Amino acid sequence: MSIQQLNPRNQFRGQVVAINEGPVLSEVDVETPGGIVTSVITTRSVKELGLKTGSDVLAFVKATEVALARL
């Protein structure tokens, strides 16, 4: 599998550390060098990708907005 058409600035290598499976949607926690990224994907996708705790993955982030709050 080759992933050459996506912007590399929006990719984070990581390892699945937890999966909270629901009947339709699942939360997948991925540990990256910058911290934990949580993805909500379909449970069907979790199964089709064969995701398990310890799986190496690429997390792709598509963000159209970033909100900030002053501390």
Protein backbone atom coordinates (compact mmCIF):
# COMPACT_ATOMS: atom_id res chain seq x y z
CA MET A 1 0.00 0.00 0.00
CA SER A 2 1.36 3.37 -0.99
CA ILE A 3 0.18 6.61 0.58
CA GLN A 4 1.71 9.31 -1.58
CA GLN A 5 -1.21 11.65 -2.22
CA LEU A 6 -1.80 12.86 1.33
CA ASN A 7 -0.13 15.82 2.96
CA PRO A 8 2.64 14.41 5.23
CA ARG A 9 2.20 17.30 7.68
CA ASN A 10 -1.13 15.81 8.62
CA GLN A 11 0.18 12.31 9.39
CA PHE A 12 1.23 10.92 12.74
CA ARG A 13 2.85 7.51 13.18
CA GLY A 14 1.69 5.74 16.26
CA GLN A 15 0.60 2.59 18.00
CA VAL A 16 -2.91 1.64 19.05
CA VAL A 17 -3.05 1.65 22.86
CA ALA A 18 -6.79 1.16 23.39
CA ILE A 19 -9.97 0.39 21.48
CA ASN A 20 -13.41 1.08 22.95
CA GLU A 21 -15.69 -0.86 20.58
CA GLY A 22 -19.33 0.06 20.27
CA PRO A 23 -22.06 -1.51 18.14
CA VAL A 24 -21.60 1.08 15.35
CA LEU A 25 -18.73 3.42 16.30
CA SER A 26 -15.46 2.74 18.08
CA GLU A 27 -12.90 5.00 19.78
CA VAL A 28 -9.31 4.13 18.92
CA ASP A 29 -6.55 5.68 21.05
CA VAL A 30 -3.22 6.02 19.25
CA GLU A 31 -0.01 6.94 21.04
CA THR A 32 2.07 9.29 18.89
CA PRO A 33 5.30 11.17 19.67
CA GLY A 34 3.12 14.22 20.40
CA GLY A 35 0.71 12.41 22.71
CA ILE A 36 -2.50 10.40 22.46
CA VAL A 37 -4.73 10.93 19.42
CA THR A 38 -8.25 9.52 19.64
CA SER A 39 -10.06 8.59 16.45
CA VAL A 40 -13.75 7.75 16.23
CA ILE A 41 -14.28 5.34 13.34
CA THR A 42 -16.87 2.74 12.48
CA THR A 43 -16.58 -0.59 14.25
CA ARG A 44 -16.71 -2.17 10.80
CA SER A 45 -13.54 -0.24 9.86
CA VAL A 46 -11.80 -1.43 13.04
CA LYS A 47 -12.52 -5.01 11.99
CA GLU A 48 -11.66 -4.52 8.30
CA LEU A 49 -8.33 -2.90 9.22
CA GLY A 50 -7.63 -5.65 11.75
CA LEU A 51 -6.86 -3.09 14.44
CA LYS A 52 -5.77 -4.41 17.82
CA THR A 53 -3.88 -3.00 20.78
CA GLY A 54 -0.26 -2.78 19.62
CA SER A 55 -1.07 -2.26 15.93
CA ASP A 56 1.21 0.24 14.19
CA VAL A 57 -0.85 2.85 12.34
CA LEU A 58 -0.74 6.20 10.62
CA ALA A 59 -3.22 8.74 11.98
CA PHE A 60 -4.37 11.23 9.36
CA VAL A 61 -5.83 14.49 10.59
CA LYS A 62 -8.23 16.55 8.51
CA ALA A 63 -8.97 19.75 10.34
CA THR A 64 -10.89 22.70 8.98
CA GLU A 65 -10.85 24.63 12.23
CA VAL A 66 -8.65 24.92 15.31
CA ALA A 67 -10.11 26.69 18.35
CA LEU A 68 -7.89 28.32 20.95
CA ALA A 69 -8.53 29.53 24.49
CA ARG A 70 -6.30 31.91 26.40
CA LEU A 71 -4.80 30.43 29.57
